[in-house]
Protein backbone atom coordinates (compact mmCIF):
# COMPACT_ATOMS: atom_id res chain seq x y z
CA MET A 1 -41.49 12.12 13.35
CA THR A 2 -39.42 9.93 15.73
CA VAL A 3 -41.77 6.97 15.20
CA ARG A 4 -41.38 7.30 11.45
CA PHE A 5 -37.59 7.34 11.83
CA TRP A 6 -37.56 4.04 13.76
CA GLU A 7 -39.92 2.40 11.25
CA GLU A 8 -37.82 3.51 8.29
CA ASN A 9 -34.55 2.34 9.85
CA ARG A 10 -35.65 -0.89 11.53
CA LYS A 11 -33.46 -3.05 9.23
CA LEU A 12 -30.43 -0.84 9.75
CA LEU A 13 -30.80 -0.94 13.53
CA THR A 14 -31.13 -4.72 13.37
CA GLY A 15 -27.87 -4.75 11.41
CA VAL A 16 -26.18 -2.69 14.14
CA GLY A 17 -27.22 -5.25 16.72
CA LEU A 18 -25.93 -8.17 14.65
CA ALA A 19 -22.62 -6.40 14.04
CA LEU A 20 -22.13 -5.84 17.76
CA LEU A 21 -22.75 -9.49 18.55
CA THR A 22 -19.65 -10.41 16.56
CA LEU A 23 -17.34 -8.04 18.48
CA PRO A 24 -17.09 -9.88 21.83
CA ALA A 25 -16.81 -13.16 19.91
CA SER A 26 -13.85 -11.81 17.90
CA TRP A 27 -12.20 -10.61 21.10
CA TYR A 28 -12.36 -13.98 22.85
CA VAL A 29 -11.33 -15.91 19.73
CA LEU A 30 -8.14 -13.84 19.70
CA VAL A 31 -7.60 -14.34 23.43
CA GLY A 32 -8.13 -18.09 23.13
CA ARG A 33 -5.84 -18.33 20.11
CA THR A 34 -2.99 -16.67 22.01
CA ALA A 35 -3.50 -18.89 25.04
CA ARG A 36 -3.50 -22.02 22.86
CA ALA A 37 -0.29 -20.89 21.14
CA GLU A 38 1.46 -20.56 24.51
CA ALA A 39 0.19 -23.98 25.53
CA ARG A 40 1.48 -25.43 22.24
CA VAL A 41 4.99 -24.15 23.02
CA ARG A 42 4.94 -25.83 26.40
CA ALA A 43 3.69 -29.08 24.86
CA GLN A 44 6.51 -29.06 22.31
CA TYR A 45 9.10 -28.63 25.04
CA ASN A 46 7.63 -31.56 26.95
CA ALA A 47 7.47 -33.76 23.83
CA SER A 48 11.09 -32.98 22.95
CA ALA A 49 12.21 -33.72 26.51
CA GLU A 50 10.47 -37.10 26.43
CA LYS A 51 12.01 -37.88 23.06
CA LEU A 52 15.51 -37.10 24.30
CA ASP A 53 14.95 -39.06 27.48
CA GLY A 54 13.87 -42.13 25.48
CA GLN A 55 17.01 -42.00 23.36
CA ARG A 56 19.53 -41.68 26.17
CA LYS A 57 20.59 -45.36 25.93
CA GLY A 58 21.33 -45.24 22.21
CA MET A 59 22.55 -42.89 19.54
CA TYR A 60 20.63 -39.69 18.87
CA ASP A 61 21.23 -36.31 17.25
CA VAL A 62 20.76 -33.67 19.93
CA GLN A 63 21.67 -30.86 17.56
CA GLU A 64 18.95 -31.86 15.08
CA VAL A 65 16.25 -32.02 17.74
CA THR A 66 17.40 -28.72 19.25
CA ALA A 67 17.42 -27.00 15.86
CA ASP A 68 13.90 -28.24 15.07
CA LEU A 69 12.65 -27.07 18.44
CA ARG A 70 14.21 -23.62 18.05
CA ALA A 71 12.76 -23.21 14.55
CA SER A 72 9.31 -24.23 15.74
CA ASN A 73 9.44 -21.89 18.73
CA ALA A 74 10.63 -19.00 16.56
CA LYS A 75 7.68 -19.49 14.19
CA ILE A 76 5.19 -19.62 17.07
CA ALA A 77 6.75 -16.52 18.66
CA GLU A 78 6.45 -14.68 15.34
CA ASP A 79 2.79 -15.68 14.97
CA ILE A 80 2.01 -14.53 18.50
CA ALA A 81 3.82 -11.21 17.97
CA ASN A 82 1.91 -10.56 14.74
CA LEU A 83 -1.39 -11.33 16.44
CA GLU A 84 -0.60 -9.09 19.40
CA SER A 85 0.48 -6.14 17.25
CA SER A 86 -2.68 -6.35 15.13
CA VAL A 87 -5.19 -6.18 17.98
CA GLN A 88 -3.55 -4.41 20.93
CA ILE A 89 -3.40 -0.69 21.59
CA SER A 90 -0.43 1.18 20.15
CA PHE A 91 0.38 3.86 22.69
CA HIS A 92 1.72 7.15 21.39
CA PRO A 93 5.45 7.94 21.85
CA TRP A 94 4.56 10.77 24.26
CA THR A 95 3.39 8.20 26.83
CA VAL A 96 7.07 7.63 27.64
CA ILE A 97 7.92 10.04 30.46
CA PRO A 98 11.23 11.81 29.67
CA GLY A 99 14.06 11.77 32.18
CA ASN A 100 13.82 15.47 33.01
CA TYR A 101 10.32 14.84 34.39
CA ALA A 102 11.33 11.80 36.47
CA ASP A 103 10.80 13.75 39.71
CA ASP A 104 7.50 15.34 38.66
CA ARG A 105 5.62 12.92 36.44
CA GLY A 106 2.30 14.50 37.34
CA ALA A 107 3.45 17.77 35.79
CA TYR A 108 4.39 15.91 32.61
CA PHE A 109 0.91 14.40 32.39
CA ARG A 110 -0.73 17.82 32.85
CA LEU A 111 1.48 19.31 30.14
CA THR A 112 0.83 16.43 27.75
CA HIS A 113 -2.91 16.60 28.39
CA ALA A 114 -2.94 20.32 27.60
CA GLU A 115 -1.11 19.69 24.31
CA GLU A 116 -3.40 16.82 23.30
CA GLN A 117 -6.47 18.81 24.35
CA THR A 118 -5.47 21.55 21.92
CA ARG A 119 -4.77 19.07 19.15
CA LEU A 120 -8.02 17.12 19.60
CA THR A 121 -10.04 20.31 19.75
CA PHE A 122 -8.54 21.33 16.40
CA VAL A 123 -9.24 17.86 14.93
CA CYS A 124 -12.92 18.21 15.87
CA GLN A 125 -13.32 21.83 14.78
CA GLN A 126 -11.70 21.42 11.36
CA LYS A 127 -14.26 18.83 10.25
CA ASP A 128 -17.07 19.93 7.93
CA PRO A 129 -19.40 20.26 9.70
CA PRO A 130 -17.41 20.62 12.95
CA VAL A 131 -17.82 17.95 15.61
CA ARG A 132 -19.38 19.49 18.72
CA VAL A 133 -17.60 18.68 22.00
CA ARG A 134 -19.32 18.99 25.39
CA ASP A 135 -16.25 18.26 27.55
CA TYR A 136 -12.99 19.69 26.29
CA SER A 137 -11.05 17.85 29.01
CA PHE A 138 -12.10 14.70 27.12
CA GLY A 139 -12.94 12.86 30.34
CA PHE A 140 -10.00 13.97 32.51
CA LYS A 141 -11.52 16.88 34.45
CA ARG A 142 -11.69 15.09 37.83
CA ILE A 143 -8.23 13.62 37.37
CA LEU A 144 -6.71 17.04 36.63
CA GLU A 145 -8.37 18.47 39.73
CA GLY A 146 -6.67 15.93 42.03
CA ASP A 147 -3.11 14.98 42.92
CA ILE A 148 -1.28 12.90 40.31
CA ASP A 149 1.58 10.79 41.63
CA ALA A 150 4.13 8.90 39.54
CA ALA A 151 2.04 5.72 39.11
CA ALA A 152 -1.12 7.68 38.33
CA ALA A 153 0.74 9.80 35.77
CA GLN A 154 1.82 6.76 33.72
CA VAL A 155 -1.60 5.11 33.80
CA ASN A 156 -3.33 8.35 32.81
CA LEU A 157 -0.89 8.94 29.96
CA ASN A 158 -1.83 5.51 28.61
CA ARG A 159 -5.53 6.25 29.03
CA LEU A 160 -5.10 9.61 27.31
CA SER A 161 -3.48 7.78 24.39
CA VAL A 162 -6.56 5.53 24.08
CA VAL A 163 -8.86 8.57 24.22
CA GLU A 164 -6.79 10.31 21.53
CA HIS A 165 -7.21 7.32 19.20
CA LEU A 166 -10.91 7.25 20.02
CA VAL A 167 -11.65 10.94 19.40
CA VAL A 168 -9.83 10.87 16.06
CA LEU A 169 -11.90 7.84 14.95
CA LEU A 170 -15.14 9.51 16.05
CA ALA A 171 -14.26 12.69 14.14
CA GLU A 172 -13.30 10.71 11.03
CA SER A 173 -16.61 8.85 11.25
CA GLY A 174 -18.48 12.16 11.13
CA VAL A 175 -20.41 12.06 14.40
CA ALA A 176 -22.26 15.30 15.15
CA GLU A 177 -21.31 15.60 18.82
CA ILE A 178 -19.06 13.96 21.40
CA SER A 179 -21.27 14.39 24.44
CA ALA A 180 -19.17 12.56 27.07
CA ILE A 181 -16.10 10.35 27.46
CA SER A 182 -15.38 8.42 30.67
CA PRO A 183 -12.09 6.47 30.66
CA GLY A 184 -12.04 3.68 33.25
CA ASP A 185 -9.30 1.89 35.20
CA PRO A 186 -7.18 -0.68 33.34
CA ALA A 187 -8.28 -4.17 34.37
CA PRO A 188 -6.48 -7.53 34.02
CA THR A 189 -8.21 -10.40 32.24
CA GLY A 190 -7.45 -13.54 30.25
CA ALA A 191 -8.74 -16.86 28.99
CA ALA A 192 -10.28 -19.32 31.41
CA GLY A 193 -7.66 -21.61 32.96
CA TYR A 194 -4.73 -19.29 32.23
CA PRO A 195 -3.07 -16.45 34.16
CA ASP A 196 -4.29 -12.96 33.29
CA PHE A 197 -2.21 -11.84 30.32
CA ILE A 198 -4.34 -9.00 28.93
CA LEU A 199 -4.84 -5.50 30.30
CA GLU A 200 -8.13 -3.95 29.23
CA TYR A 201 -8.68 -0.20 29.00
CA PRO A 202 -12.45 0.33 29.39
CA PHE A 203 -14.35 3.52 28.68
CA SER A 204 -17.83 4.81 28.08
CA ILE A 205 -18.72 7.36 25.39
CA THR A 206 -21.92 9.14 24.49
CA VAL A 207 -22.31 10.70 21.05
CA ARG A 208 -24.99 12.29 18.87
CA THR A 209 -24.83 10.87 15.38
CA ARG A 210 -26.74 9.65 12.37
CA LEU A 211 -26.97 5.91 11.90
CA ASP A 212 -24.63 5.73 8.91
CA ASN A 213 -21.90 7.57 10.83
CA LEU A 214 -22.34 5.21 13.78
CA MET A 215 -21.84 2.27 11.42
CA LYS A 216 -18.64 3.87 10.08
CA PHE A 217 -17.29 4.15 13.62
CA LEU A 218 -18.20 0.55 14.53
CA HIS A 219 -16.49 -0.66 11.36
CA ALA A 220 -13.37 1.43 12.11
CA VAL A 221 -12.91 0.02 15.62
CA ARG A 222 -13.04 -3.53 14.24
CA SER A 223 -10.07 -2.86 11.94
CA PRO A 224 -6.88 -4.40 13.42
CA GLY A 225 -3.89 -2.10 13.48
CA ARG A 226 -5.71 1.06 14.60
CA LEU A 227 -7.76 0.82 17.77
CA PHE A 228 -9.30 -2.63 17.95
CA LEU A 229 -12.19 -2.49 20.43
CA THR A 230 -14.72 -4.84 21.90
CA VAL A 231 -18.13 -3.28 22.45
CA ARG A 232 -19.74 -4.58 25.63
CA ALA A 233 -22.96 -2.60 25.60
CA LEU A 234 -24.67 -0.13 23.31
CA SER A 235 -27.70 2.02 24.00
CA ILE A 236 -29.48 3.87 21.19
CA ALA A 237 -32.25 6.42 21.57
CA ALA A 238 -33.72 9.17 19.44
CA ALA A 239 -31.78 12.36 20.23
CA ASP A 240 -33.55 15.45 21.48
CA PRO A 241 -33.15 17.86 18.54
CA TYR A 242 -33.31 20.84 20.91
CA SER A 243 -30.58 19.69 23.32
CA GLY A 244 -27.75 21.18 21.26
CA GLY A 245 -28.45 24.69 22.48
CA ARG A 246 -29.18 27.91 20.67
CA GLY A 247 -27.65 28.30 17.24
CA GLN A 248 -27.41 24.54 16.64
CA SER A 249 -29.12 23.06 13.60
CA LEU A 250 -31.97 20.63 14.25
CA ASP A 251 -31.71 17.10 12.86
CA ASP A 252 -34.46 14.63 13.66
CA GLN A 253 -32.36 11.80 12.16
CA GLU A 254 -29.71 12.05 14.89
CA LEU A 255 -29.43 9.39 17.57
CA SER A 256 -28.09 9.56 21.10
CA VAL A 257 -25.74 6.60 21.42
CA THR A 258 -23.89 5.40 24.53
CA ILE A 259 -21.16 2.81 23.99
CA ASP A 260 -19.36 0.83 26.69
CA ALA A 261 -16.21 -0.63 25.15
CA ALA A 262 -12.60 -1.58 25.86
CA GLY A 263 -9.27 -1.67 24.10
CA MET A 264 -6.48 -3.93 25.31
CA ARG A 265 -2.82 -4.79 25.26
CA PHE A 266 -0.88 -7.87 26.28
CA VAL A 267 1.06 -7.63 29.54
CA SER A 268 4.71 -8.63 29.63
CA GLN A 269 6.16 -11.47 31.68
CA GLU A 270 7.74 -8.89 33.99
CA GLU A 271 4.35 -7.31 34.67
CA ARG A 272 2.79 -10.68 35.46
CA GLN A 273 5.52 -11.36 38.01
CA SER A 274 5.67 -7.83 39.48
CA PRO A 275 2.13 -6.44 39.78
CA ALA A 276 1.80 -2.72 40.46
CA PRO A 277 -1.21 -0.46 41.14
CA THR A 278 -3.52 1.13 38.64
CA THR A 279 -5.15 4.49 39.23
CA GLY A 280 -8.76 5.42 39.86
CA PRO A 281 -10.84 8.16 38.23
CA ALA A 282 -9.61 10.80 40.65
CA GLY A 283 -5.94 9.89 40.35
CA LYS A 284 -5.90 7.60 43.39
CA THR A 285 -4.15 4.27 43.24
CA GLY A 286 -5.67 0.85 43.56
CA GLY A 287 -5.78 -2.52 41.82
CA ARG A 288 -2.87 -4.76 41.04
CA VAL A 289 -1.61 -4.60 37.47
CA LYS A 290 1.06 -2.24 36.23
CA ALA A 291 0.31 -0.15 33.13
CA SER A 292 3.59 0.41 31.39
CA GLY A 293 4.69 2.73 28.62
CA PRO A 294 4.15 2.25 24.90
CA ARG A 295 4.75 -0.92 22.93
CA GLY A 296 4.82 0.70 19.53
CA ASP A 297 3.04 3.40 17.58
C-alpha cells in the first residue's frame, strides 16, 4: 500500500522538492537587497560630499543638494522599512514584559506560556477534524523545568511568539498531528561582506499530514506579512498508521514530515553595537546577540 502511494504521488513529491529549493533563494535575495540598499545610501553620501568639495571654490546651492540627498535617503529608508516589515517576524504584544513583572520576568514568561498553551490547545481542538498534539508544552517543557532569568525570559517570549504563529498556520493547513516542536536559539547572520544584521529564530517540527495539507503549509509560510520562513531541510517518510494510538483513525495517505526552518527579524543599530546573550534550550544564557521585544504585530 505504501509503495502504491509513492508511485501515485511521485509528481507531487517532486513539486514539493522544487518548491523548497526556491525558499532559501528567496531568503538570500531579500538579505542581499537590504544590504545593497544600505550600501547605496553610503555611496550617495560619499558622492554628495565629493560634489560639494569640488564646488567649494565657486558658487553652489548647498540647500538644493541637501534637499535632494534628504529626499533620496527618505525614499530608500521607506523601501527598506517596507521590505523588513513584509518578511520579518511580527512578535505579539504580550512579548513586552510589563513593569509590574520587572523584578520577576521568569514568572511573567511562565504565566504567558500557560495562557498561550491554553489558547493553542483550543485552536487545535476546534478544527474539524481536531489536530492531534503530542506535546502540549509546544516545545518548552525543558525550559519550564529550569530557572528562567531576565534575559532568558525575553528570548523565550520571542520564541513562544514564533511558535504561536507556527501552530496556528499548521492548524489552518489541516495537518493531522503536531508530533514535536523544538525551538532553537536565535542566531545572528547576514550577507557576505556586511555586519550581521539579521537574527534568525530556528526550529524543527515534525507533523503527520497528507501531502495536500503539507503544500498548504509550505505556501502559507512563503506569504510575506504572516510568518515568512526559510526551509533548510525537509524529510518525508510514509507515516506508521498505527502510531497514533488506540482510538485513532488509520490513514495510509498520511506522511511523517520533519521540517527544519527559521524565521527572522532585522536587528537594530543599538543591538549591533551592544550585543547581549541569547538563551539555550534549558534557559541558560550564551551567545552574543540580544533578542529584544516586539517590532509590530
